[in-house]
Amino acid sequence: MGEVYLELTIANIEDRRRQKELAFLVDTGTTRAWIPRQIARELGIKKVGAVALELADGSIKKFPYGMCVFVFDGETIAGNVILGPPDIEPLVGTHVLQDFRLMIDMEHHTISRRRALKAK
């Protein structure tokens, strides 16, 4: 099928000058966004908690997460990001995709945008 990437800016929620544009691998099988811990340190994104997540192999592991801001196509959302291991590729999951109203067509490797979120 191939891979789909989404260019997002991620920023420190308390100091938006600390930001970085990253190519996030779109993973519709995950709910959260992930970045390597060293990028979180570079941006000053601090751990605010930990969450237990079920991984693709069925195992459950706790991961730290921090609060951040994502920017896409002139729109900004606040969210959280998993502070992953050093070798993890930045991933974007369904929470961010839904907040930006993005639809992913894996067959054609395209990303499109809905006009509005459903209120119900």
Protein backbone atom coordinates (compact mmCIF):
# COMPACT_ATOMS: atom_id res chain seq x y z
CA MET A 1 0.00 0.00 0.00
CA GLY A 2 2.75 2.47 0.79
CA GLU A 3 3.09 5.12 3.41
CA VAL A 4 1.43 8.49 3.82
CA TYR A 5 3.18 11.38 5.58
CA LEU A 6 1.70 14.56 6.98
CA GLU A 7 3.79 17.71 7.46
CA LEU A 8 2.86 19.23 10.83
CA THR A 9 4.42 21.86 13.01
CA ILE A 10 4.63 20.80 16.64
CA ALA A 11 5.25 23.41 19.33
CA ASN A 12 5.69 23.80 23.04
CA ILE A 13 2.25 24.69 24.43
CA GLU A 14 3.74 27.30 26.81
CA ASP A 15 6.27 28.83 24.40
CA ARG A 16 5.12 28.54 20.80
CA ARG A 17 8.41 29.97 19.54
CA ARG A 18 9.88 26.55 20.36
CA GLN A 19 8.53 24.69 17.36
CA LYS A 20 9.60 22.30 14.66
CA GLU A 21 8.11 21.12 11.39
CA LEU A 22 8.13 17.34 11.14
CA ALA A 23 7.00 14.72 8.64
CA PHE A 24 4.67 12.47 10.66
CA LEU A 25 3.92 8.99 9.37
CA VAL A 26 0.12 8.64 9.26
CA ASP A 27 -0.94 5.62 11.31
CA THR A 28 -4.71 5.16 11.31
CA GLY A 29 -4.25 2.19 13.65
CA THR A 30 -3.06 4.40 16.51
CA THR A 31 -4.94 7.02 18.45
CA ARG A 32 -2.11 9.25 19.61
CA ALA A 33 0.71 11.25 18.06
CA TRP A 34 4.23 10.11 18.92
CA ILE A 35 7.61 11.84 18.81
CA PRO A 36 11.05 10.71 20.01
CA ARG A 37 11.94 11.95 23.50
CA GLN A 38 14.92 13.91 22.17
CA ILE A 39 12.61 16.07 20.02
CA ALA A 40 10.40 16.64 23.06
CA ARG A 41 13.48 17.77 25.02
CA GLU A 42 14.56 20.06 22.16
CA LEU A 43 11.12 21.71 22.15
CA GLY A 44 10.76 21.74 25.94
CA ILE A 45 7.69 19.48 25.90
CA LYS A 46 7.58 18.12 29.42
CA LYS A 47 6.08 14.90 30.68
CA VAL A 48 2.74 15.59 32.36
CA GLY A 49 1.64 11.99 32.84
CA ALA A 50 1.79 8.43 31.59
CA VAL A 51 -0.77 6.37 29.73
CA ALA A 52 -1.06 2.63 29.22
CA LEU A 53 -1.30 1.79 25.51
CA GLU A 54 -1.89 -1.49 23.73
CA LEU A 55 0.78 -1.99 21.08
CA ALA A 56 0.40 -3.70 17.70
CA ASP A 57 1.69 -6.98 19.13
CA GLY A 58 -1.03 -6.94 21.82
CA SER A 59 1.30 -6.05 24.69
CA ILE A 60 0.41 -3.20 27.03
CA LYS A 61 3.06 -0.67 28.02
CA LYS A 62 3.00 2.68 29.81
CA PHE A 63 4.40 5.68 27.96
CA PRO A 64 4.96 9.27 29.10
CA TYR A 65 3.08 12.04 27.34
CA GLY A 66 3.25 15.81 27.21
CA MET A 67 1.04 18.69 26.09
CA CYS A 68 1.76 20.45 22.81
CA VAL A 69 0.32 22.45 19.94
CA PHE A 70 -0.02 21.15 16.39
CA VAL A 71 -0.30 23.46 13.37
CA PHE A 72 -1.54 22.36 9.95
CA ASP A 73 -2.57 24.53 7.01
CA GLY A 74 -2.94 27.65 9.17
CA GLU A 75 -5.05 25.92 11.83
CA THR A 76 -3.87 25.25 15.39
CA ILE A 77 -5.02 22.59 17.83
CA ALA A 78 -3.86 21.75 21.33
CA GLY A 79 -3.24 18.13 22.14
CA ASN A 80 -0.97 15.64 23.72
CA VAL A 81 1.91 13.65 22.31
CA ILE A 82 3.48 10.39 23.41
CA LEU A 83 7.16 10.81 24.28
CA GLY A 84 8.46 7.69 22.57
CA PRO A 85 11.79 5.94 22.43
CA PRO A 86 14.72 7.56 20.59
CA ASP A 87 14.35 5.41 17.48
CA ILE A 88 10.63 6.02 16.89
CA GLU A 89 9.54 7.79 13.75
CA PRO A 90 7.12 10.66 14.41
CA LEU A 91 3.61 9.19 14.09
CA VAL A 92 0.24 10.87 13.87
CA GLY A 93 -2.89 8.99 14.87
CA THR A 94 -6.62 9.44 14.79
CA HIS A 95 -6.92 12.12 17.52
CA VAL A 96 -4.95 14.71 15.52
CA LEU A 97 -6.38 13.59 12.17
CA GLN A 98 -9.93 14.01 13.47
CA ASP A 99 -9.21 17.39 15.09
CA PHE A 100 -7.89 18.70 11.77
CA ARG A 101 -10.80 17.04 9.91
CA LEU A 102 -8.45 15.01 7.73
CA MET A 103 -9.47 11.96 5.74
CA ILE A 104 -6.80 9.52 4.63
CA ASP A 105 -7.08 7.48 1.45
CA MET A 106 -4.41 4.81 1.87
CA GLU A 107 -5.11 3.29 -1.55
CA HIS A 108 -4.35 6.54 -3.40
CA HIS A 109 -1.93 7.96 -0.79
CA THR A 110 -3.92 11.17 -0.42
CA ILE A 111 -5.07 13.38 2.41
CA SER A 112 -8.19 15.50 2.10
CA ARG A 113 -10.01 17.77 4.50
CA ARG A 114 -13.64 17.93 5.58
CA ARG A 115 -15.32 21.31 5.75
CA ALA A 116 -16.44 20.91 9.36
CA LEU A 117 -16.54 18.53 12.30
CA LYS A 118 -19.77 16.80 13.11
CA ALA A 119 -21.29 18.38 16.22
CA LYS A 120 -23.16 15.26 17.28
